Amino acid sequence: MPEGAVLAEVTGGPVTSNLNLHGRLVPYEIVCPGERGTLEAEFRITLDDLFLVHDPEDDRLVLRSARWAVR
């Protein structure tokens, strides 16, 4: 895992998907449109906070958080 990386699950309520029909695996969650999230605000990441950056060294896309300036 890259240094400073934040692991987060994608939310999905039982009405819209079965993505999270299990116990919490990581401390953060990415909250999808129409969802409220299940964690306190400091542990929620909204889609409007995320953006993609091309990493030319590894030739891959990296998902970044504007709020934390980390991957």
PDB file of N, CA and C in Angstrom:
ATOM      1  N   MET A   1       0.850  -1.168   0.000  1.00  0.00           N
ATOM      2  CA  MET A   1       0.000   0.000   0.000  1.00  0.00           C
ATOM      3  C   MET A   1       0.899   1.235   0.000  1.00  0.00           C
ATOM      4  N   PRO A   2       0.595   2.221  -0.847  1.00  0.00           N
ATOM      5  CA  PRO A   2       1.409   3.438  -0.887  1.00  0.00           C
ATOM      6  C   PRO A   2       1.360   4.201   0.444  1.00  0.00           C
ATOM      7  N   GLU A   3       2.464   4.850   0.795  1.00  0.00           N
ATOM      8  CA  GLU A   3       2.512   5.635   2.019  1.00  0.00           C
ATOM      9  C   GLU A   3       1.443   6.722   1.990  1.00  0.00           C
ATOM     10  N   GLY A   4       0.708   6.887   3.067  1.00  0.00           N
ATOM     11  CA  GLY A   4      -0.330   7.900   3.160  1.00  0.00           C
ATOM     12  C   GLY A   4      -1.650   7.499   2.541  1.00  0.00           C
ATOM     13  N   ALA A   5      -1.741   6.279   2.023  1.00  0.00           N
ATOM     14  CA  ALA A   5      -2.985   5.836   1.381  1.00  0.00           C
ATOM     15  C   ALA A   5      -4.100   5.701   2.409  1.00  0.00           C
ATOM     16  N   VAL A   6      -5.323   5.962   1.972  1.00  0.00           N
ATOM     17  CA  VAL A   6      -6.504   5.815   2.806  1.00  0.00           C
ATOM     18  C   VAL A   6      -7.372   4.738   2.171  1.00  0.00           C
ATOM     19  N   LEU A   7      -7.701   3.705   2.923  1.00  0.00           N
ATOM     20  CA  LEU A   7      -8.578   2.653   2.428  1.00  0.00           C
ATOM     21  C   LEU A   7     -10.010   2.994   2.787  1.00  0.00           C
ATOM     22  N   ALA A   8     -10.891   2.886   1.793  1.00  0.00           N
ATOM     23  CA  ALA A   8     -12.292   3.232   2.015  1.00  0.00           C
ATOM     24  C   ALA A   8     -13.188   2.290   1.229  1.00  0.00           C
ATOM     25  N   GLU A   9     -14.343   1.975   1.804  1.00  0.00           N
ATOM     26  CA  GLU A   9     -15.355   1.176   1.119  1.00  0.00           C
ATOM     27  C   GLU A   9     -16.340   2.097   0.428  1.00  0.00           C
ATOM     28  N   VAL A  10     -16.955   1.606  -0.617  1.00  0.00           N
ATOM     29  CA  VAL A  10     -18.015   2.343  -1.304  1.00  0.00           C
ATOM     30  C   VAL A  10     -19.329   2.010  -0.618  1.00  0.00           C
ATOM     31  N   THR A  11     -20.127   3.037  -0.300  1.00  0.00           N
ATOM     32  CA  THR A  11     -21.411   2.787   0.353  1.00  0.00           C
ATOM     33  C   THR A  11     -22.395   2.214  -0.643  1.00  0.00           C
ATOM     34  N   GLY A  12     -23.384   1.578  -0.146  1.00  0.00           N
ATOM     35  CA  GLY A  12     -24.466   1.036  -0.955  1.00  0.00           C
ATOM     36  C   GLY A  12     -25.492   0.444  -0.017  1.00  0.00           C
ATOM     37  N   GLY A  13     -26.606   1.109   0.115  1.00  0.00           N
ATOM     38  CA  GLY A  13     -27.645   0.627   1.019  1.00  0.00           C
ATOM     39  C   GLY A  13     -28.299  -0.639   0.488  1.00  0.00           C
ATOM     40  N   PRO A  14     -28.958  -1.399   1.352  1.00  0.00           N
ATOM     41  CA  PRO A  14     -29.598  -2.639   0.919  1.00  0.00           C
ATOM     42  C   PRO A  14     -30.702  -2.425  -0.113  1.00  0.00           C
ATOM     43  N   VAL A  15     -31.222  -1.202  -0.216  1.00  0.00           N
ATOM     44  CA  VAL A  15     -32.252  -0.916  -1.215  1.00  0.00           C
ATOM     45  C   VAL A  15     -31.638  -0.797  -2.606  1.00  0.00           C
ATOM     46  N   THR A  16     -30.417  -0.258  -2.690  1.00  0.00           N
ATOM     47  CA  THR A  16     -29.796  -0.030  -3.992  1.00  0.00           C
ATOM     48  C   THR A  16     -28.749  -1.062  -4.368  1.00  0.00           C
ATOM     49  N   SER A  17     -28.143  -1.734  -3.403  1.00  0.00           N
ATOM     50  CA  SER A  17     -27.140  -2.759  -3.715  1.00  0.00           C
ATOM     51  C   SER A  17     -26.874  -3.620  -2.495  1.00  0.00           C
ATOM     52  N   ASN A  18     -26.058  -4.630  -2.690  1.00  0.00           N
ATOM     53  CA  ASN A  18     -25.653  -5.467  -1.558  1.00  0.00           C
ATOM     54  C   ASN A  18     -24.154  -5.324  -1.278  1.00  0.00           C
ATOM     55  N   LEU A  19     -23.574  -4.150  -1.653  1.00  0.00           N
ATOM     56  CA  LEU A  19     -22.141  -3.936  -1.504  1.00  0.00           C
ATOM     57  C   LEU A  19     -21.642  -4.112  -0.079  1.00  0.00           C
ATOM     58  N   ASN A  20     -22.386  -3.654   0.885  1.00  0.00           N
ATOM     59  CA  ASN A  20     -21.882  -3.633   2.258  1.00  0.00           C
ATOM     60  C   ASN A  20     -22.691  -4.494   3.222  1.00  0.00           C
ATOM     61  N   LEU A  21     -23.089  -5.654   2.749  1.00  0.00           N
ATOM     62  CA  LEU A  21     -23.798  -6.566   3.643  1.00  0.00           C
ATOM     63  C   LEU A  21     -22.787  -7.423   4.404  1.00  0.00           C
ATOM     64  N   HIS A  22     -21.900  -6.744   5.105  1.00  0.00           N
ATOM     65  CA  HIS A  22     -20.858  -7.371   5.908  1.00  0.00           C
ATOM     66  C   HIS A  22     -20.406  -6.356   6.941  1.00  0.00           C
ATOM     67  N   GLY A  23     -19.598  -6.794   7.862  1.00  0.00           N
ATOM     68  CA  GLY A  23     -19.066  -5.886   8.875  1.00  0.00           C
ATOM     69  C   GLY A  23     -18.075  -4.902   8.275  1.00  0.00           C
ATOM     70  N   ARG A  24     -17.762  -3.866   8.998  1.00  0.00           N
ATOM     71  CA  ARG A  24     -16.816  -2.837   8.563  1.00  0.00           C
ATOM     72  C   ARG A  24     -15.439  -3.454   8.368  1.00  0.00           C
ATOM     73  N   LEU A  25     -14.831  -3.215   7.199  1.00  0.00           N
ATOM     74  CA  LEU A  25     -13.509  -3.759   6.886  1.00  0.00           C
ATOM     75  C   LEU A  25     -12.400  -2.710   6.965  1.00  0.00           C
ATOM     76  N   VAL A  26     -12.752  -1.455   6.680  1.00  0.00           N
ATOM     77  CA  VAL A  26     -11.776  -0.356   6.691  1.00  0.00           C
ATOM     78  C   VAL A  26     -12.398   0.840   7.407  1.00  0.00           C
ATOM     79  N   PRO A  27     -11.590   1.803   7.850  1.00  0.00           N
ATOM     80  CA  PRO A  27     -12.126   2.888   8.679  1.00  0.00           C
ATOM     81  C   PRO A  27     -12.890   3.983   7.931  1.00  0.00           C
ATOM     82  N   TYR A  28     -12.781   4.058   6.596  1.00  0.00           N
ATOM     83  CA  TYR A  28     -13.410   5.139   5.847  1.00  0.00           C
ATOM     84  C   TYR A  28     -14.401   4.589   4.839  1.00  0.00           C
ATOM     85  N   GLU A  29     -15.323   5.460   4.397  1.00  0.00           N
ATOM     86  CA  GLU A  29     -16.269   5.063   3.354  1.00  0.00           C
ATOM     87  C   GLU A  29     -16.427   6.177   2.330  1.00  0.00           C
ATOM     88  N   ILE A  30     -16.600   5.778   1.081  1.00  0.00           N
ATOM     89  CA  ILE A  30     -16.910   6.704  -0.006  1.00  0.00           C
ATOM     90  C   ILE A  30     -18.424   6.691  -0.149  1.00  0.00           C
ATOM     91  N   VAL A  31     -19.028   7.846   0.044  1.00  0.00           N
ATOM     92  CA  VAL A  31     -20.485   7.941   0.055  1.00  0.00           C
ATOM     93  C   VAL A  31     -20.991   8.263  -1.350  1.00  0.00           C
ATOM     94  N   CYS A  32     -21.798   7.371  -1.901  1.00  0.00           N
ATOM     95  CA  CYS A  32     -22.356   7.547  -3.243  1.00  0.00           C
ATOM     96  C   CYS A  32     -23.561   8.484  -3.213  1.00  0.00           C
ATOM     97  N   PRO A  33     -23.888   9.105  -4.352  1.00  0.00           N
ATOM     98  CA  PRO A  33     -25.069   9.974  -4.422  1.00  0.00           C
ATOM     99  C   PRO A  33     -26.331   9.213  -3.984  1.00  0.00           C
ATOM    100  N   GLY A  34     -27.145   9.881  -3.202  1.00  0.00           N
ATOM    101  CA  GLY A  34     -28.371   9.272  -2.700  1.00  0.00           C
ATOM    102  C   GLY A  34     -28.185   8.493  -1.413  1.00  0.00           C
ATOM    103  N   GLU A  35     -26.945   8.324  -0.992  1.00  0.00           N
ATOM    104  CA  GLU A  35     -26.647   7.620   0.256  1.00  0.00           C
ATOM    105  C   GLU A  35     -26.286   8.637   1.336  1.00  0.00           C
ATOM    106  N   ARG A  36     -26.431   8.254   2.592  1.00  0.00           N
ATOM    107  CA  ARG A  36     -26.081   9.133   3.702  1.00  0.00           C
ATOM    108  C   ARG A  36     -24.797   8.708   4.395  1.00  0.00           C
ATOM    109  N   GLY A  37     -24.377   7.497   4.182  1.00  0.00           N
ATOM    110  CA  GLY A  37     -23.212   6.976   4.872  1.00  0.00           C
ATOM    111  C   GLY A  37     -23.591   6.468   6.240  1.00  0.00           C
ATOM    112  N   THR A  38     -22.716   5.656   6.800  1.00  0.00           N
ATOM    113  CA  THR A  38     -22.999   5.048   8.097  1.00  0.00           C
ATOM    114  C   THR A  38     -22.021   5.496   9.169  1.00  0.00           C
ATOM    115  N   LEU A  39     -20.984   6.205   8.773  1.00  0.00           N
ATOM    116  CA  LEU A  39     -19.945   6.624   9.718  1.00  0.00           C
ATOM    117  C   LEU A  39     -20.067   8.102  10.055  1.00  0.00           C
ATOM    118  N   GLU A  40     -19.321   8.524  11.076  1.00  0.00           N
ATOM    119  CA  GLU A  40     -19.279   9.946  11.419  1.00  0.00           C
ATOM    120  C   GLU A  40     -18.636  10.713  10.268  1.00  0.00           C
ATOM    121  N   ALA A  41     -18.959  11.993  10.141  1.00  0.00           N
ATOM    122  CA  ALA A  41     -18.531  12.820   9.007  1.00  0.00           C
ATOM    123  C   ALA A  41     -17.025  12.771   8.751  1.00  0.00           C
ATOM    124  N   GLU A  42     -16.221  12.704   9.789  1.00  0.00           N
ATOM    125  CA  GLU A  42     -14.764  12.707   9.594  1.00  0.00           C
ATOM    126  C   GLU A  42     -14.265  11.451   8.886  1.00  0.00           C
ATOM    127  N   PHE A  43     -15.081  10.396   8.842  1.00  0.00           N
ATOM    128  CA  PHE A  43     -14.688   9.147   8.200  1.00  0.00           C
ATOM    129  C   PHE A  43     -15.403   8.926   6.870  1.00  0.00           C
ATOM    130  N   ARG A  44     -16.195   9.912   6.428  1.00  0.00           N
ATOM    131  CA  ARG A  44     -16.905   9.815   5.150  1.00  0.00           C
ATOM    132  C   ARG A  44     -16.169  10.620   4.086  1.00  0.00           C
ATOM    133  N   ILE A  45     -16.087  10.068   2.881  1.00  0.00           N
ATOM    134  CA  ILE A  45     -15.483  10.750   1.738  1.00  0.00           C
ATOM    135  C   ILE A  45     -16.569  10.871   0.677  1.00  0.00           C
ATOM    136  N   THR A  46     -16.890  12.083   0.294  1.00  0.00           N
ATOM    137  CA  THR A  46     -17.927  12.288  -0.725  1.00  0.00           C
ATOM    138  C   THR A  46     -17.298  12.270  -2.117  1.00  0.00           C
ATOM    139  N   LEU A  47     -18.097  11.936  -3.113  1.00  0.00           N
ATOM    140  CA  LEU A  47     -17.582  11.869  -4.479  1.00  0.00           C
ATOM    141  C   LEU A  47     -17.030  13.203  -4.959  1.00  0.00           C
ATOM    142  N   ASP A  48     -17.634  14.307  -4.519  1.00  0.00           N
ATOM    143  CA  ASP A  48     -17.140  15.610  -4.985  1.00  0.00           C
ATOM    144  C   ASP A  48     -15.785  15.981  -4.382  1.00  0.00           C
ATOM    145  N   ASP A  49     -15.295  15.190  -3.439  1.00  0.00           N
ATOM    146  CA  ASP A  49     -13.970  15.388  -2.862  1.00  0.00           C
ATOM    147  C   ASP A  49     -12.888  14.608  -3.623  1.00  0.00           C
ATOM    148  N   LEU A  50     -13.296  13.705  -4.505  1.00  0.00           N
ATOM    149  CA  LEU A  50     -12.347  12.822  -5.176  1.00  0.00           C
ATOM    150  C   LEU A  50     -12.055  13.252  -6.610  1.00  0.00           C
ATOM    151  N   PHE A  51     -10.830  13.002  -7.045  1.00  0.00           N
ATOM    152  CA  PHE A  51     -10.453  13.268  -8.436  1.00  0.00           C
ATOM    153  C   PHE A  51      -9.357  12.287  -8.844  1.00  0.00           C
ATOM    154  N   LEU A  52      -9.231  12.046 -10.145  1.00  0.00           N
ATOM    155  CA  LEU A  52      -8.225  11.134 -10.682  1.00  0.00           C
ATOM    156  C   LEU A  52      -7.011  11.895 -11.184  1.00  0.00           C
ATOM    157  N   VAL A  53      -5.842  11.318 -10.972  1.00  0.00           N
ATOM    158  CA  VAL A  53      -4.586  11.886 -11.454  1.00  0.00           C
ATOM    159  C   VAL A  53      -3.807  10.765 -12.136  1.00  0.00           C
ATOM    160  N   HIS A  54      -3.227  11.080 -13.295  1.00  0.00           N
ATOM    161  CA  HIS A  54      -2.378  10.097 -13.956  1.00  0.00           C
ATOM    162  C   HIS A  54      -0.986  10.132 -13.338  1.00  0.00           C
ATOM    163  N   ASP A  55      -0.501   8.969 -12.908  1.00  0.00           N
ATOM    164  CA  ASP A  55       0.844   8.834 -12.371  1.00  0.00           C
ATOM    165  C   ASP A  55       1.734   8.325 -13.502  1.00  0.00           C
ATOM    166  N   PRO A  56       2.478   9.225 -14.159  1.00  0.00           N
ATOM    167  CA  PRO A  56       3.264   8.815 -15.323  1.00  0.00           C
ATOM    168  C   PRO A  56       4.396   7.846 -14.978  1.00  0.00           C
ATOM    169  N   GLU A  57       4.896   7.909 -13.754  1.00  0.00           N
ATOM    170  CA  GLU A  57       5.980   7.011 -13.350  1.00  0.00           C
ATOM    171  C   GLU A  57       5.532   5.547 -13.387  1.00  0.00           C
ATOM    172  N   ASP A  58       4.320   5.288 -12.891  1.00  0.00           N
ATOM    173  CA  ASP A  58       3.779   3.921 -12.873  1.00  0.00           C
ATOM    174  C   ASP A  58       2.746   3.685 -13.969  1.00  0.00           C
ATOM    175  N   ASP A  59       2.448   4.727 -14.754  1.00  0.00           N
ATOM    176  CA  ASP A  59       1.440   4.666 -15.811  1.00  0.00           C
ATOM    177  C   ASP A  59       0.119   4.088 -15.292  1.00  0.00           C
ATOM    178  N   ARG A  60      -0.400   4.737 -14.270  1.00  0.00           N
ATOM    179  CA  ARG A  60      -1.678   4.318 -13.682  1.00  0.00           C
ATOM    180  C   ARG A  60      -2.459   5.537 -13.215  1.00  0.00           C
ATOM    181  N   LEU A  61      -3.746   5.326 -13.000  1.00  0.00           N
ATOM    182  CA  LEU A  61      -4.594   6.372 -12.444  1.00  0.00           C
ATOM    183  C   LEU A  61      -4.630   6.222 -10.935  1.00  0.00           C
ATOM    184  N   VAL A  62      -4.559   7.352 -10.243  1.00  0.00           N
ATOM    185  CA  VAL A  62      -4.589   7.368  -8.781  1.00  0.00           C
ATOM    186  C   VAL A  62      -5.775   8.209  -8.347  1.00  0.00           C
ATOM    187  N   LEU A  63      -6.582   7.666  -7.460  1.00  0.00           N
ATOM    188  CA  LEU A  63      -7.723   8.390  -6.906  1.00  0.00           C
ATOM    189  C   LEU A  63      -7.230   9.223  -5.735  1.00  0.00           C
ATOM    190  N   ARG A  64      -7.485  10.519  -5.776  1.00  0.00           N
ATOM    191  CA  ARG A  64      -7.007  11.455  -4.743  1.00  0.00           C
ATOM    192  C   ARG A  64      -8.175  12.130  -4.039  1.00  0.00           C
ATOM    193  N   SER A  65      -7.909  12.567  -2.828  1.00  0.00           N
ATOM    194  CA  SER A  65      -8.868  13.331  -2.035  1.00  0.00           C
ATOM    195  C   SER A  65      -8.389  14.777  -1.959  1.00  0.00           C
ATOM    196  N   ALA A  66      -9.232  15.702  -2.331  1.00  0.00           N
ATOM    197  CA  ALA A  66      -8.881  17.119  -2.207  1.00  0.00           C
ATOM    198  C   ALA A  66      -8.768  17.514  -0.736  1.00  0.00           C
ATOM    199  N   ARG A  67      -9.599  16.948   0.096  1.00  0.00           N
ATOM    200  CA  ARG A  67      -9.616  17.262   1.526  1.00  0.00           C
ATOM    201  C   ARG A  67      -8.316  16.856   2.214  1.00  0.00           C
ATOM    202  N   TRP A  68      -7.805  15.688   1.896  1.00  0.00           N
ATOM    203  CA  TRP A  68      -6.617  15.202   2.570  1.00  0.00           C
ATOM    204  C   TRP A  68      -5.357  15.279   1.703  1.00  0.00           C
ATOM    205  N   ALA A  69      -5.516  15.545   0.442  1.00  0.00           N
ATOM    206  CA  ALA A  69      -4.381  15.592  -0.495  1.00  0.00           C
ATOM    207  C   ALA A  69      -3.565  14.306  -0.443  1.00  0.00           C
ATOM    208  N   VAL A  70      -4.263  13.185  -0.335  1.00  0.00           N
ATOM    209  CA  VAL A  70      -3.613  11.865  -0.326  1.00  0.00           C
ATOM    210  C   VAL A  70      -4.343  10.930  -1.277  1.00  0.00           C
ATOM    211  N   ARG A  71      -3.770   9.753  -1.505  1.00  0.00           N
ATOM    212  CA  ARG A  71      -4.394   8.735  -2.350  1.00  0.00           C
ATOM    213  C   ARG A  71      -5.412   7.971  -1.542  1.00  0.00           C
TER     214      ARG A  71
END
